[in-house]
Amino acid sequence: MFNNIGVSGLILILAIALIVFGPSKLPQLGRAFGDTLREFRNSTRNIMDEGEREQLIENEGKKPF
């Protein structure tokens, strides 16, 4: 999704954010965004781990040919 954004695009986004939110709010917004991403990664990792565990449990009962 963000693979096509270059350096100039990032600078433009940061400049707009600076104008809209002001310099005092940017650290808070960045922290909140980072916390949200971290929680999303942890949740997806847990979901994938649960799926792998279920798959292992299902395959334990089957005999290989």
C-alpha atoms as a PDB file:
ATOM      1  CA  MET A   1       0.000   0.000   0.000  1.00  0.00           C
ATOM      2  CA  PHE A   2       2.714   2.467   0.968  1.00  0.00           C
ATOM      3  CA  ASN A   3       5.358   0.997  -1.329  1.00  0.00           C
ATOM      4  CA  ASN A   4       4.868   3.715  -3.952  1.00  0.00           C
ATOM      5  CA  ILE A   5       5.350   6.695  -1.615  1.00  0.00           C
ATOM      6  CA  GLY A   6       8.734   8.283  -2.127  1.00  0.00           C
ATOM      7  CA  VAL A   7      10.686  10.716  -0.011  1.00  0.00           C
ATOM      8  CA  SER A   8       8.917  13.698  -1.541  1.00  0.00           C
ATOM      9  CA  GLY A   9       5.540  12.132  -0.745  1.00  0.00           C
ATOM     10  CA  LEU A  10       6.517  11.555   2.877  1.00  0.00           C
ATOM     11  CA  ILE A  11       7.743  15.136   3.204  1.00  0.00           C
ATOM     12  CA  LEU A  12       4.453  16.398   1.773  1.00  0.00           C
ATOM     13  CA  ILE A  13       2.422  14.262   4.192  1.00  0.00           C
ATOM     14  CA  LEU A  14       4.492  15.451   7.165  1.00  0.00           C
ATOM     15  CA  ALA A  15       4.148  19.091   6.095  1.00  0.00           C
ATOM     16  CA  ILE A  16       0.366  18.768   5.824  1.00  0.00           C
ATOM     17  CA  ALA A  17       0.211  17.028   9.212  1.00  0.00           C
ATOM     18  CA  LEU A  18       2.328  19.796  10.728  1.00  0.00           C
ATOM     19  CA  ILE A  19      -0.012  22.460   9.332  1.00  0.00           C
ATOM     20  CA  VAL A  20      -3.200  20.653  10.364  1.00  0.00           C
ATOM     21  CA  PHE A  21      -2.232  19.404  13.834  1.00  0.00           C
ATOM     22  CA  GLY A  22       0.568  21.741  14.856  1.00  0.00           C
ATOM     23  CA  PRO A  23       3.974  20.888  16.266  1.00  0.00           C
ATOM     24  CA  SER A  24       2.722  20.149  19.791  1.00  0.00           C
ATOM     25  CA  LYS A  25       0.329  17.374  18.702  1.00  0.00           C
ATOM     26  CA  LEU A  26       2.610  15.534  16.244  1.00  0.00           C
ATOM     27  CA  PRO A  27       4.543  13.511  18.869  1.00  0.00           C
ATOM     28  CA  GLN A  28       1.271  12.387  20.452  1.00  0.00           C
ATOM     29  CA  LEU A  29      -0.154  11.405  17.063  1.00  0.00           C
ATOM     30  CA  GLY A  30       3.011   9.519  16.143  1.00  0.00           C
ATOM     31  CA  ARG A  31       2.986   7.649  19.453  1.00  0.00           C
ATOM     32  CA  ALA A  32      -0.689   6.739  19.055  1.00  0.00           C
ATOM     33  CA  PHE A  33      -0.078   5.563  15.484  1.00  0.00           C
ATOM     34  CA  GLY A  34       2.884   3.446  16.596  1.00  0.00           C
ATOM     35  CA  ASP A  35       0.891   1.902  19.436  1.00  0.00           C
ATOM     36  CA  THR A  36      -1.932   1.076  17.028  1.00  0.00           C
ATOM     37  CA  LEU A  37       0.447  -0.576  14.563  1.00  0.00           C
ATOM     38  CA  ARG A  38       2.118  -2.561  17.337  1.00  0.00           C
ATOM     39  CA  GLU A  39      -1.241  -3.811  18.615  1.00  0.00           C
ATOM     40  CA  PHE A  40      -2.319  -4.740  15.080  1.00  0.00           C
ATOM     41  CA  ARG A  41       0.895  -6.719  14.497  1.00  0.00           C
ATOM     42  CA  ASN A  42       0.549  -8.523  17.817  1.00  0.00           C
ATOM     43  CA  SER A  43      -3.068  -9.409  17.068  1.00  0.00           C
ATOM     44  CA  THR A  44      -2.317 -10.738  13.600  1.00  0.00           C
ATOM     45  CA  ARG A  45       0.654 -12.702  14.937  1.00  0.00           C
ATOM     46  CA  ASN A  46      -1.579 -14.273  17.620  1.00  0.00           C
ATOM     47  CA  ILE A  47      -4.231 -15.172  15.054  1.00  0.00           C
ATOM     48  CA  MET A  48      -1.641 -16.804  12.811  1.00  0.00           C
ATOM     49  CA  ASP A  49      -0.147 -18.725  15.755  1.00  0.00           C
ATOM     50  CA  GLU A  50      -3.602 -20.005  16.721  1.00  0.00           C
ATOM     51  CA  GLY A  51      -4.227 -21.150  13.147  1.00  0.00           C
ATOM     52  CA  GLU A  52      -0.909 -22.989  13.029  1.00  0.00           C
ATOM     53  CA  ARG A  53      -1.643 -24.639  16.381  1.00  0.00           C
ATOM     54  CA  GLU A  54      -5.055 -25.796  15.156  1.00  0.00           C
ATOM     55  CA  GLN A  55      -3.509 -27.149  11.981  1.00  0.00           C
ATOM     56  CA  LEU A  56      -0.922 -29.104  13.980  1.00  0.00           C
ATOM     57  CA  ILE A  57      -3.646 -30.551  16.206  1.00  0.00           C
ATOM     58  CA  GLU A  58      -5.673 -31.606  13.152  1.00  0.00           C
ATOM     59  CA  ASN A  59      -2.627 -33.208  11.502  1.00  0.00           C
ATOM     60  CA  GLU A  60      -1.608 -35.162  14.624  1.00  0.00           C
ATOM     61  CA  GLY A  61      -4.526 -37.546  14.247  1.00  0.00           C
ATOM     62  CA  LYS A  62      -3.785 -38.285  10.592  1.00  0.00           C
ATOM     63  CA  LYS A  63      -1.263 -40.897   9.587  1.00  0.00           C
ATOM     64  CA  PRO A  64       1.184 -40.044   6.796  1.00  0.00           C
ATOM     65  CA  PHE A  65       1.114 -42.281   3.725  1.00  0.00           C
END
